Amino acid sequence: MTAAEPYTVELASDVYAYVQPDGGWCLNNSGFVSDGTTTLLVDTAATERRTRALGAALDATGVPAPRFLVNTHHHGDHTYGNGFFTPAATLVSHSACRREALASGQHLHLLWPQTDFGDIGIQGADLTYDDRMTVHVGDIEAQVIHPGVSHTVGDSLVWLPHRRILFAGDLVFEGGTPFFLMGSLSGSLRALALMRELGAETVVPGHGPVTDPSAFDRAERYTRFVAEIAEKSHAAGLTPLEAARTTDLGEYAALPESERLVANLHRAYAELDGLPEGEGVDPFAGFMDMATINGGEMMTCHA
């Protein structure tokens, strides 16, 4: 583990967030809800070691082992640990998340071959949905909602109306730079509007510390900033890399993962070209441009 160890936050008597500082590349959050008899786990971790630590943290609270596991999207930092909880837990995701998880395979290994991910097997969901569904955790209703193409093509929100708690997945990077290379800029704005409508009081982001609905405003301001840069740069005939290199990030320069601007511009350009949301962009090209912005080196995997 890194110097900043993961920690568990009791958000309510039956809801917990599991936070992995510093929330950078490959350091995601998880969480769980339990009525004392049945437990639902939201997401896992990028490595075997970190997933085992998640399992130990869950056990330390005294809740039963997960009966359900919901993946908020297909990226490996949220899904690589699925196999450590299945088949005892039924794996749930959006249908596109299942498809992308199986198609992408061990994609984090390709980006960060020096990272010790451990014994990782790729698991697709046992149970999928397309719009929304409710998982009953005893008497607790966990609403699993697809916000549309946003961070990826197969995102899920996990909304607990009885506690006004929302697990937002990577639609919220608290203290970090939003990222929608594999999703949609316009879709991200629609998803933020949907999350506001739910009326959450507590928001568990996909990365970073537990926050509140003000996170939606911060994410929207950045996303609209990217849209403005994209429109001007696209019209001027600049490539996403050229545009990113000449952009004054202003207040966003201090955010970790600021190199994500160039990847987000790839997605914004595709939408300006009229391509379908979630399609028409080569993720590899986006990561290579981010590495270029990062001094010619791939960004560090913090796991």
C-alpha atoms as a PDB file:
ATOM      1  CA  MET A   1       0.000   0.000   0.000  1.00  0.00           C
ATOM      2  CA  THR A   2       1.027   3.621  -0.371  1.00  0.00           C
ATOM      3  CA  ALA A   3       1.747   5.831   2.647  1.00  0.00           C
ATOM      4  CA  ALA A   4      -1.858   7.023   2.697  1.00  0.00           C
ATOM      5  CA  GLU A   5      -3.763   3.882   3.609  1.00  0.00           C
ATOM      6  CA  PRO A   6      -7.342   3.210   2.507  1.00  0.00           C
ATOM      7  CA  TYR A   7      -9.976   3.968   5.104  1.00  0.00           C
ATOM      8  CA  THR A   8     -13.616   3.147   5.768  1.00  0.00           C
ATOM      9  CA  VAL A   9     -16.183   5.878   6.444  1.00  0.00           C
ATOM     10  CA  GLU A  10     -19.443   4.975   8.187  1.00  0.00           C
ATOM     11  CA  LEU A  11     -21.917   7.202   6.357  1.00  0.00           C
ATOM     12  CA  ALA A  12     -24.911   5.751   8.193  1.00  0.00           C
ATOM     13  CA  SER A  13     -25.550   2.722  10.384  1.00  0.00           C
ATOM     14  CA  ASP A  14     -26.004   0.635   7.229  1.00  0.00           C
ATOM     15  CA  VAL A  15     -23.847   2.403   4.606  1.00  0.00           C
ATOM     16  CA  TYR A  16     -20.073   2.629   4.307  1.00  0.00           C
ATOM     17  CA  ALA A  17     -17.636   4.198   1.870  1.00  0.00           C
ATOM     18  CA  TYR A  18     -14.192   2.718   1.297  1.00  0.00           C
ATOM     19  CA  VAL A  19     -11.800   5.457   0.190  1.00  0.00           C
ATOM     20  CA  GLN A  20      -8.358   4.922  -1.350  1.00  0.00           C
ATOM     21  CA  PRO A  21      -6.156   8.029  -1.191  1.00  0.00           C
ATOM     22  CA  ASP A  22      -4.924   9.808  -3.161  1.00  0.00           C
ATOM     23  CA  GLY A  23      -7.634   8.971  -5.678  1.00  0.00           C
ATOM     24  CA  GLY A  24      -5.206   9.157  -8.613  1.00  0.00           C
ATOM     25  CA  TRP A  25      -4.850   6.764 -11.526  1.00  0.00           C
ATOM     26  CA  CYS A  26      -6.052   3.270 -10.446  1.00  0.00           C
ATOM     27  CA  LEU A  27      -6.965   4.343  -6.877  1.00  0.00           C
ATOM     28  CA  ASN A  28     -10.755   4.222  -6.849  1.00  0.00           C
ATOM     29  CA  ASN A  29     -13.374   4.140  -4.121  1.00  0.00           C
ATOM     30  CA  SER A  30     -15.746   1.355  -3.195  1.00  0.00           C
ATOM     31  CA  GLY A  31     -18.560   1.099  -0.675  1.00  0.00           C
ATOM     32  CA  PHE A  32     -21.205  -1.155   0.715  1.00  0.00           C
ATOM     33  CA  VAL A  33     -24.684  -1.206   2.204  1.00  0.00           C
ATOM     34  CA  SER A  34     -25.987  -3.897   4.536  1.00  0.00           C
ATOM     35  CA  ASP A  35     -29.071  -4.571   6.639  1.00  0.00           C
ATOM     36  CA  GLY A  36     -27.059  -6.993   8.788  1.00  0.00           C
ATOM     37  CA  THR A  37     -28.224 -10.014   6.816  1.00  0.00           C
ATOM     38  CA  THR A  38     -27.597  -9.043   3.193  1.00  0.00           C
ATOM     39  CA  THR A  39     -24.765  -6.901   1.830  1.00  0.00           C
ATOM     40  CA  LEU A  40     -24.341  -5.087  -1.475  1.00  0.00           C
ATOM     41  CA  LEU A  41     -20.820  -4.048  -2.487  1.00  0.00           C
ATOM     42  CA  VAL A  42     -20.205  -1.219  -4.955  1.00  0.00           C
ATOM     43  CA  ASP A  43     -17.043  -1.818  -7.038  1.00  0.00           C
ATOM     44  CA  THR A  44     -13.769  -3.520  -6.148  1.00  0.00           C
ATOM     45  CA  ALA A  45     -10.131  -2.449  -6.708  1.00  0.00           C
ATOM     46  CA  ALA A  46      -7.346  -2.544  -9.297  1.00  0.00           C
ATOM     47  CA  THR A  47      -5.049  -5.126  -7.710  1.00  0.00           C
ATOM     48  CA  GLU A  48      -5.384  -8.385  -5.838  1.00  0.00           C
ATOM     49  CA  ARG A  49      -3.628  -6.868  -2.834  1.00  0.00           C
ATOM     50  CA  ARG A  50      -5.954  -3.880  -2.673  1.00  0.00           C
ATOM     51  CA  THR A  51      -9.047  -6.004  -3.240  1.00  0.00           C
ATOM     52  CA  ARG A  52      -8.058  -8.268  -0.378  1.00  0.00           C
ATOM     53  CA  ALA A  53      -7.641  -5.169   1.785  1.00  0.00           C
ATOM     54  CA  LEU A  54     -11.138  -4.097   0.761  1.00  0.00           C
ATOM     55  CA  GLY A  55     -12.482  -7.493   1.791  1.00  0.00           C
ATOM     56  CA  ALA A  56     -10.726  -7.236   5.153  1.00  0.00           C
ATOM     57  CA  ALA A  57     -12.167  -3.760   5.720  1.00  0.00           C
ATOM     58  CA  LEU A  58     -15.627  -5.031   4.924  1.00  0.00           C
ATOM     59  CA  ASP A  59     -15.183  -7.937   7.356  1.00  0.00           C
ATOM     60  CA  ALA A  60     -13.978  -5.533  10.056  1.00  0.00           C
ATOM     61  CA  THR A  61     -17.359  -3.796  10.096  1.00  0.00           C
ATOM     62  CA  GLY A  62     -19.077  -7.079  10.921  1.00  0.00           C
ATOM     63  CA  VAL A  63     -21.397  -7.105   7.922  1.00  0.00           C
ATOM     64  CA  PRO A  64     -21.969 -10.363   6.027  1.00  0.00           C
ATOM     65  CA  ALA A  65     -20.010 -11.160   2.899  1.00  0.00           C
ATOM     66  CA  PRO A  66     -21.524  -9.482  -0.174  1.00  0.00           C
ATOM     67  CA  ARG A  67     -24.514 -11.139  -1.770  1.00  0.00           C
ATOM     68  CA  PHE A  68     -24.539  -8.539  -4.547  1.00  0.00           C
ATOM     69  CA  LEU A  69     -21.722  -6.660  -6.284  1.00  0.00           C
ATOM     70  CA  VAL A  70     -22.495  -3.694  -8.539  1.00  0.00           C
ATOM     71  CA  ASN A  71     -19.911  -2.381 -11.011  1.00  0.00           C
ATOM     72  CA  THR A  72     -20.347   1.329 -11.741  1.00  0.00           C
ATOM     73  CA  HIS A  73     -18.456   0.894 -15.047  1.00  0.00           C
ATOM     74  CA  HIS A  74     -15.985  -1.445 -16.739  1.00  0.00           C
ATOM     75  CA  HIS A  75     -12.599   0.147 -15.979  1.00  0.00           C
ATOM     76  CA  GLY A  76     -10.225  -2.226 -14.257  1.00  0.00           C
ATOM     77  CA  ASP A  77      -9.700  -0.176 -11.122  1.00  0.00           C
ATOM     78  CA  HIS A  78     -13.379  -0.746 -10.356  1.00  0.00           C
ATOM     79  CA  THR A  79     -13.704  -4.301 -11.704  1.00  0.00           C
ATOM     80  CA  TYR A  80     -10.421  -6.208 -11.552  1.00  0.00           C
ATOM     81  CA  GLY A  81     -11.284  -7.545  -8.077  1.00  0.00           C
ATOM     82  CA  ASN A  82     -14.676  -8.950  -9.058  1.00  0.00           C
ATOM     83  CA  GLY A  83     -13.479 -12.547  -8.941  1.00  0.00           C
ATOM     84  CA  PHE A  84     -12.603 -12.307  -5.244  1.00  0.00           C
ATOM     85  CA  PHE A  85     -16.294 -11.843  -4.376  1.00  0.00           C
ATOM     86  CA  THR A  86     -17.975 -13.992  -7.031  1.00  0.00           C
ATOM     87  CA  PRO A  87     -19.617 -16.469  -7.374  1.00  0.00           C
ATOM     88  CA  ALA A  88     -20.804 -15.967  -3.782  1.00  0.00           C
ATOM     89  CA  ALA A  89     -21.932 -12.491  -4.854  1.00  0.00           C
ATOM     90  CA  THR A  90     -24.161 -11.926  -7.866  1.00  0.00           C
ATOM     91  CA  LEU A  91     -22.385  -9.451 -10.141  1.00  0.00           C
ATOM     92  CA  VAL A  92     -24.645  -6.677 -11.470  1.00  0.00           C
ATOM     93  CA  SER A  93     -23.911  -4.045 -14.115  1.00  0.00           C
ATOM     94  CA  HIS A  94     -25.311  -2.192 -17.088  1.00  0.00           C
ATOM     95  CA  SER A  95     -25.346  -4.418 -20.167  1.00  0.00           C
ATOM     96  CA  ALA A  96     -22.760  -2.216 -21.921  1.00  0.00           C
ATOM     97  CA  CYS A  97     -20.485  -2.434 -18.880  1.00  0.00           C
ATOM     98  CA  ARG A  98     -20.513  -6.221 -19.113  1.00  0.00           C
ATOM     99  CA  ARG A  99     -19.776  -6.071 -22.833  1.00  0.00           C
ATOM    100  CA  GLU A 100     -16.901  -3.613 -22.412  1.00  0.00           C
ATOM    101  CA  ALA A 101     -15.382  -5.448 -19.454  1.00  0.00           C
ATOM    102  CA  LEU A 102     -15.173  -8.675 -21.433  1.00  0.00           C
ATOM    103  CA  ALA A 103     -13.966  -6.938 -24.594  1.00  0.00           C
ATOM    104  CA  SER A 104     -11.310  -4.865 -22.797  1.00  0.00           C
ATOM    105  CA  GLY A 105      -9.860  -7.741 -20.794  1.00  0.00           C
ATOM    106  CA  GLN A 106      -6.789  -6.875 -18.742  1.00  0.00           C
ATOM    107  CA  HIS A 107      -6.519  -3.390 -20.215  1.00  0.00           C
ATOM    108  CA  LEU A 108      -4.738  -1.875 -17.219  1.00  0.00           C
ATOM    109  CA  HIS A 109      -1.925  -4.392 -17.727  1.00  0.00           C
ATOM    110  CA  LEU A 110      -1.302  -2.876 -21.169  1.00  0.00           C
ATOM    111  CA  LEU A 111      -1.050   0.662 -19.830  1.00  0.00           C
ATOM    112  CA  TRP A 112       0.974  -0.170 -16.722  1.00  0.00           C
ATOM    113  CA  PRO A 113       2.872  -3.432 -17.328  1.00  0.00           C
ATOM    114  CA  GLN A 114       5.209  -2.790 -14.378  1.00  0.00           C
ATOM    115  CA  THR A 115       2.348  -2.783 -11.865  1.00  0.00           C
ATOM    116  CA  ASP A 116       1.812  -5.957  -9.836  1.00  0.00           C
ATOM    117  CA  PHE A 117      -1.910  -6.483 -10.337  1.00  0.00           C
ATOM    118  CA  GLY A 118      -1.758  -9.989  -8.873  1.00  0.00           C
ATOM    119  CA  ASP A 119      -4.017 -12.876  -9.827  1.00  0.00           C
ATOM    120  CA  ILE A 120      -6.678 -11.030 -11.805  1.00  0.00           C
ATOM    121  CA  GLY A 121      -9.401 -12.706 -13.844  1.00  0.00           C
ATOM    122  CA  ILE A 122     -11.909 -10.718 -15.872  1.00  0.00           C
ATOM    123  CA  GLN A 123     -15.510 -11.165 -14.754  1.00  0.00           C
ATOM    124  CA  GLY A 124     -18.581  -9.991 -16.623  1.00  0.00           C
ATOM    125  CA  ALA A 125     -21.875  -9.400 -14.837  1.00  0.00           C
ATOM    126  CA  ASP A 126     -24.276 -12.254 -14.050  1.00  0.00           C
ATOM    127  CA  LEU A 127     -27.227  -9.868 -14.122  1.00  0.00           C
ATOM    128  CA  THR A 128     -27.525  -6.849 -16.432  1.00  0.00           C
ATOM    129  CA  TYR A 129     -30.032  -4.066 -16.993  1.00  0.00           C
ATOM    130  CA  ASP A 130     -30.497  -1.259 -19.530  1.00  0.00           C
ATOM    131  CA  ASP A 131     -32.273   1.667 -17.816  1.00  0.00           C
ATOM    132  CA  ARG A 132     -32.655   1.157 -14.074  1.00  0.00           C
ATOM    133  CA  MET A 133     -33.274  -1.587 -11.575  1.00  0.00           C
ATOM    134  CA  THR A 134     -33.720  -1.998  -7.835  1.00  0.00           C
ATOM    135  CA  VAL A 135     -31.619  -4.386  -5.769  1.00  0.00           C
ATOM    136  CA  HIS A 136     -33.309  -5.249  -2.484  1.00  0.00           C
ATOM    137  CA  VAL A 137     -30.799  -5.462   0.341  1.00  0.00           C
ATOM    138  CA  GLY A 138     -33.248  -6.833   2.858  1.00  0.00           C
ATOM    139  CA  ASP A 139     -35.668  -3.962   3.361  1.00  0.00           C
ATOM    140  CA  ILE A 140     -33.224  -1.444   1.851  1.00  0.00           C
ATOM    141  CA  GLU A 141     -33.806  -0.327  -1.728  1.00  0.00           C
ATOM    142  CA  ALA A 142     -30.633   0.238  -3.741  1.00  0.00           C
ATOM    143  CA  GLN A 143     -31.599   1.859  -7.024  1.00  0.00           C
ATOM    144  CA  VAL A 144     -29.121   1.145  -9.811  1.00  0.00           C
ATOM    145  CA  ILE A 145     -29.510   3.800 -12.504  1.00  0.00           C
ATOM    146  CA  HIS A 146     -27.923   4.158 -15.927  1.00  0.00           C
ATOM    147  CA  PRO A 147     -27.412   7.910 -16.532  1.00  0.00           C
ATOM    148  CA  GLY A 148     -26.758   7.429 -20.235  1.00  0.00           C
ATOM    149  CA  VAL A 149     -23.382   7.506 -21.961  1.00  0.00           C
ATOM    150  CA  SER A 150     -21.249   9.715 -19.724  1.00  0.00           C
ATOM    151  CA  HIS A 151     -17.932   8.619 -18.181  1.00  0.00           C
ATOM    152  CA  THR A 152     -18.254   5.437 -20.275  1.00  0.00           C
ATOM    153  CA  VAL A 153     -20.994   3.791 -22.304  1.00  0.00           C
ATOM    154  CA  GLY A 154     -22.128   1.589 -19.395  1.00  0.00           C
ATOM    155  CA  ASP A 155     -22.126   3.679 -16.223  1.00  0.00           C
ATOM    156  CA  SER A 156     -24.266   2.971 -13.182  1.00  0.00           C
ATOM    157  CA  LEU A 157     -25.223   5.146 -10.242  1.00  0.00           C
ATOM    158  CA  VAL A 158     -26.157   3.457  -6.974  1.00  0.00           C
ATOM    159  CA  TRP A 159     -28.743   5.574  -5.195  1.00  0.00           C
ATOM    160  CA  LEU A 160     -29.886   4.884  -1.629  1.00  0.00           C
ATOM    161  CA  PRO A 161     -32.983   7.060  -1.168  1.00  0.00           C
ATOM    162  CA  HIS A 162     -33.507   6.021   2.471  1.00  0.00           C
ATOM    163  CA  ARG A 163     -30.193   7.692   3.353  1.00  0.00           C
ATOM    164  CA  ARG A 164     -29.950  10.260   0.525  1.00  0.00           C
ATOM    165  CA  ILE A 165     -26.566   8.740  -0.341  1.00  0.00           C
ATOM    166  CA  LEU A 166     -25.327   8.433  -3.931  1.00  0.00           C
ATOM    167  CA  PHE A 167     -22.450   6.304  -5.174  1.00  0.00           C
ATOM    168  CA  ALA A 168     -21.586   8.309  -8.289  1.00  0.00           C
ATOM    169  CA  GLY A 169     -18.807   6.184  -9.770  1.00  0.00           C
ATOM    170  CA  ASP A 170     -16.447   8.099 -12.032  1.00  0.00           C
ATOM    171  CA  LEU A 171     -18.991  10.740 -12.889  1.00  0.00           C
ATOM    172  CA  VAL A 172     -17.371  12.491  -9.929  1.00  0.00           C
ATOM    173  CA  PHE A 173     -13.611  12.812  -9.367  1.00  0.00           C
ATOM    174  CA  GLU A 174     -13.505  14.815  -6.146  1.00  0.00           C
ATOM    175  CA  GLY A 175     -10.320  16.869  -6.133  1.00  0.00           C
ATOM    176  CA  GLY A 176      -9.286  15.400  -9.495  1.00  0.00           C
ATOM    177  CA  THR A 177      -9.846  16.095 -13.186  1.00  0.00           C
ATOM    178  CA  PRO A 178     -13.041  14.726 -14.790  1.00  0.00           C
ATOM    179  CA  PHE A 179     -12.483  12.156 -17.542  1.00  0.00           C
ATOM    180  CA  PHE A 180     -14.856  11.186 -20.354  1.00  0.00           C
ATOM    181  CA  LEU A 181     -12.575   9.914 -23.131  1.00  0.00           C
ATOM    182  CA  MET A 182     -14.607   6.689 -23.414  1.00  0.00           C
ATOM    183  CA  GLY A 183     -17.988   8.310 -22.854  1.00  0.00           C
ATOM    184  CA  SER A 184     -19.482  11.660 -23.747  1.00  0.00           C
ATOM    185  CA  LEU A 185     -19.047  15.325 -22.879  1.00  0.00           C
ATOM    186  CA  SER A 186     -22.685  16.189 -23.516  1.00  0.00           C
ATOM    187  CA  GLY A 187     -23.755  12.957 -21.841  1.00  0.00           C
ATOM    188  CA  SER A 188     -21.730  13.869 -18.762  1.00  0.00           C
ATOM    189  CA  LEU A 189     -23.651  17.136 -18.488  1.00  0.00           C
ATOM    190  CA  ARG A 190     -26.954  15.266 -18.711  1.00  0.00           C
ATOM    191  CA  ALA A 191     -25.772  12.804 -16.078  1.00  0.00           C
ATOM    192  CA  LEU A 192     -24.842  15.635 -13.714  1.00  0.00           C
ATOM    193  CA  ALA A 193     -28.329  17.089 -14.140  1.00  0.00           C
ATOM    194  CA  LEU A 194     -29.849  13.687 -13.355  1.00  0.00           C
ATOM    195  CA  MET A 195     -27.746  13.326 -10.219  1.00  0.00           C
ATOM    196  CA  ARG A 196     -28.871  16.748  -9.004  1.00  0.00           C
ATOM    197  CA  GLU A 197     -32.509  15.710  -9.444  1.00  0.00           C
ATOM    198  CA  LEU A 198     -32.055  12.730  -7.113  1.00  0.00           C
ATOM    199  CA  GLY A 199     -31.558  15.042  -4.147  1.00  0.00           C
ATOM    200  CA  ALA A 200     -28.508  13.385  -2.630  1.00  0.00           C
ATOM    201  CA  GLU A 201     -27.063  14.806   0.576  1.00  0.00           C
ATOM    202  CA  THR A 202     -23.897  12.674   0.533  1.00  0.00           C
ATOM    203  CA  VAL A 203     -21.940  11.768  -2.598  1.00  0.00           C
ATOM    204  CA  VAL A 204     -19.354   8.983  -2.777  1.00  0.00           C
ATOM    205  CA  PRO A 205     -17.178   9.786  -5.801  1.00  0.00           C
ATOM    206  CA  GLY A 206     -15.386   7.225  -7.897  1.00  0.00           C
ATOM    207  CA  HIS A 207     -12.110   8.821  -6.780  1.00  0.00           C
ATOM    208  CA  GLY A 208     -11.317  11.217  -3.956  1.00  0.00           C
ATOM    209  CA  PRO A 209     -12.867  11.919  -0.546  1.00  0.00           C
ATOM    210  CA  VAL A 210     -16.566  11.664   0.243  1.00  0.00           C
ATOM    211  CA  THR A 211     -18.292  14.899  -0.710  1.00  0.00           C
ATOM    212  CA  ASP A 212     -21.668  16.557  -1.243  1.00  0.00           C
ATOM    213  CA  PRO A 213     -23.752  17.756  -4.217  1.00  0.00           C
ATOM    214  CA  SER A 214     -21.482  20.774  -4.730  1.00  0.00           C
ATOM    215  CA  ALA A 215     -19.250  18.286  -6.550  1.00  0.00           C
ATOM    216  CA  PHE A 216     -21.743  18.332  -9.421  1.00  0.00           C
ATOM    217  CA  ASP A 217     -21.229  22.047  -9.918  1.00  0.00           C
ATOM    218  CA  ARG A 218     -17.444  21.680  -9.957  1.00  0.00           C
ATOM    219  CA  ALA A 219     -17.637  18.867 -12.512  1.00  0.00           C
ATOM    220  CA  GLU A 220     -20.045  20.844 -14.691  1.00  0.00           C
ATOM    221  CA  ARG A 221     -17.848  23.951 -14.720  1.00  0.00           C
ATOM    222  CA  TYR A 222     -14.858  21.926 -15.879  1.00  0.00           C
ATOM    223  CA  THR A 223     -16.881  20.075 -18.513  1.00  0.00           C
ATOM    224  CA  ARG A 224     -18.216  23.331 -19.956  1.00  0.00           C
ATOM    225  CA  PHE A 225     -14.657  24.700 -19.931  1.00  0.00           C
ATOM    226  CA  VAL A 226     -13.580  21.734 -22.092  1.00  0.00           C
ATOM    227  CA  ALA A 227     -16.527  22.324 -24.418  1.00  0.00           C
ATOM    228  CA  GLU A 228     -15.524  25.960 -24.940  1.00  0.00           C
ATOM    229  CA  ILE A 229     -11.890  25.060 -25.646  1.00  0.00           C
ATOM    230  CA  ALA A 230     -12.989  22.330 -28.039  1.00  0.00           C
ATOM    231  CA  GLU A 231     -15.282  24.587 -30.041  1.00  0.00           C
ATOM    232  CA  LYS A 232     -12.611  27.261 -30.518  1.00  0.00           C
ATOM    233  CA  SER A 233      -9.753  24.854 -31.213  1.00  0.00           C
ATOM    234  CA  HIS A 234     -11.754  22.614 -33.527  1.00  0.00           C
ATOM    235  CA  ALA A 235     -12.857  25.619 -35.564  1.00  0.00           C
ATOM    236  CA  ALA A 236      -9.235  26.791 -35.752  1.00  0.00           C
ATOM    237  CA  GLY A 237      -8.100  23.429 -37.133  1.00  0.00           C
ATOM    238  CA  LEU A 238      -5.971  22.506 -34.127  1.00  0.00           C
ATOM    239  CA  THR A 239      -5.506  18.882 -33.101  1.00  0.00           C
ATOM    240  CA  PRO A 240      -6.523  17.958 -29.554  1.00  0.00           C
ATOM    241  CA  LEU A 241      -2.840  17.805 -28.610  1.00  0.00           C
ATOM    242  CA  GLU A 242      -2.128  21.227 -30.089  1.00  0.00           C
ATOM    243  CA  ALA A 243      -5.170  22.637 -28.341  1.00  0.00           C
ATOM    244  CA  ALA A 244      -4.196  21.154 -24.977  1.00  0.00           C
ATOM    245  CA  ARG A 245      -0.651  22.471 -25.236  1.00  0.00           C
ATOM    246  CA  THR A 246      -1.834  26.021 -25.901  1.00  0.00           C
ATOM    247  CA  THR A 247      -4.654  26.095 -23.316  1.00  0.00           C
ATOM    248  CA  ASP A 248      -4.331  28.085 -20.111  1.00  0.00           C
ATOM    249  CA  LEU A 249      -5.941  25.754 -17.578  1.00  0.00           C
ATOM    250  CA  GLY A 250      -6.447  28.568 -15.104  1.00  0.00           C
ATOM    251  CA  GLU A 251      -8.124  27.262 -11.957  1.00  0.00           C
ATOM    252  CA  TYR A 252      -7.880  23.689 -13.269  1.00  0.00           C
ATOM    253  CA  ALA A 253      -4.081  23.694 -13.553  1.00  0.00           C
ATOM    254  CA  ALA A 254      -3.787  22.703  -9.897  1.00  0.00           C
ATOM    255  CA  LEU A 255      -6.015  19.651 -10.280  1.00  0.00           C
ATOM    256  CA  PRO A 256      -4.256  16.275 -10.350  1.00  0.00           C
ATOM    257  CA  GLU A 257      -4.464  14.466 -13.698  1.00  0.00           C
ATOM    258  CA  SER A 258      -4.650  17.760 -15.595  1.00  0.00           C
ATOM    259  CA  GLU A 259      -3.266  15.906 -18.634  1.00  0.00           C
ATOM    260  CA  ARG A 260      -6.786  14.515 -19.046  1.00  0.00           C
ATOM    261  CA  LEU A 261      -7.681  17.697 -20.903  1.00  0.00           C
ATOM    262  CA  VAL A 262      -6.236  16.336 -24.142  1.00  0.00           C
ATOM    263  CA  ALA A 263      -8.172  13.068 -23.818  1.00  0.00           C
ATOM    264  CA  ASN A 264     -11.363  14.939 -23.077  1.00  0.00           C
ATOM    265  CA  LEU A 265     -10.741  17.097 -26.147  1.00  0.00           C
ATOM    266  CA  HIS A 266     -10.534  13.939 -28.278  1.00  0.00           C
ATOM    267  CA  ARG A 267     -14.057  13.107 -27.123  1.00  0.00           C
ATOM    268  CA  ALA A 268     -15.318  16.675 -27.538  1.00  0.00           C
ATOM    269  CA  TYR A 269     -13.946  16.824 -31.095  1.00  0.00           C
ATOM    270  CA  ALA A 270     -15.714  13.578 -31.982  1.00  0.00           C
ATOM    271  CA  GLU A 271     -19.016  15.017 -30.839  1.00  0.00           C
ATOM    272  CA  LEU A 272     -18.401  18.208 -32.814  1.00  0.00           C
ATOM    273  CA  ASP A 273     -17.814  15.974 -35.832  1.00  0.00           C
ATOM    274  CA  GLY A 274     -21.224  14.425 -35.266  1.00  0.00           C
ATOM    275  CA  LEU A 275     -20.036  10.994 -34.153  1.00  0.00           C
ATOM    276  CA  PRO A 276     -22.258   8.990 -31.795  1.00  0.00           C
ATOM    277  CA  GLU A 277     -21.623   9.390 -28.085  1.00  0.00           C
ATOM    278  CA  GLY A 278     -19.214   6.756 -26.821  1.00  0.00           C
ATOM    279  CA  GLU A 279     -17.990   5.928 -30.333  1.00  0.00           C
ATOM    280  CA  GLY A 280     -15.419   7.141 -32.833  1.00  0.00           C
ATOM    281  CA  VAL A 281     -12.481   7.763 -30.498  1.00  0.00           C
ATOM    282  CA  ASP A 282      -9.407   5.552 -30.119  1.00  0.00           C
ATOM    283  CA  PRO A 283      -8.705   5.381 -26.364  1.00  0.00           C
ATOM    284  CA  PHE A 284      -5.094   4.409 -27.078  1.00  0.00           C
ATOM    285  CA  ALA A 285      -4.553   7.663 -28.984  1.00  0.00           C
ATOM    286  CA  GLY A 286      -5.997   9.573 -26.067  1.00  0.00           C
ATOM    287  CA  PHE A 287      -3.648   7.883 -23.604  1.00  0.00           C
ATOM    288  CA  MET A 288      -0.657   8.455 -25.859  1.00  0.00           C
ATOM    289  CA  ASP A 289      -1.466  12.161 -26.053  1.00  0.00           C
ATOM    290  CA  MET A 290      -1.838  12.279 -22.280  1.00  0.00           C
ATOM    291  CA  ALA A 291       1.585  10.666 -21.969  1.00  0.00           C
ATOM    292  CA  THR A 292       2.988  13.311 -24.300  1.00  0.00           C
ATOM    293  CA  ILE A 293       1.537  16.056 -22.103  1.00  0.00           C
ATOM    294  CA  ASN A 294       2.980  14.183 -19.111  1.00  0.00           C
ATOM    295  CA  GLY A 295       6.527  14.720 -20.342  1.00  0.00           C
ATOM    296  CA  GLY A 296       6.622  11.748 -22.685  1.00  0.00           C
ATOM    297  CA  GLU A 297       5.898   9.143 -20.029  1.00  0.00           C
ATOM    298  CA  MET A 298       2.761   7.222 -19.179  1.00  0.00           C
ATOM    299  CA  MET A 299       1.081   8.563 -16.086  1.00  0.00           C
ATOM    300  CA  THR A 300       1.901   6.767 -12.836  1.00  0.00           C
ATOM    301  CA  CYS A 301      -0.445   4.015 -11.697  1.00  0.00           C
ATOM    302  CA  HIS A 302      -0.938   4.827  -8.013  1.00  0.00           C
ATOM    303  CA  ALA A 303      -2.114   1.339  -7.082  1.00  0.00           C
END
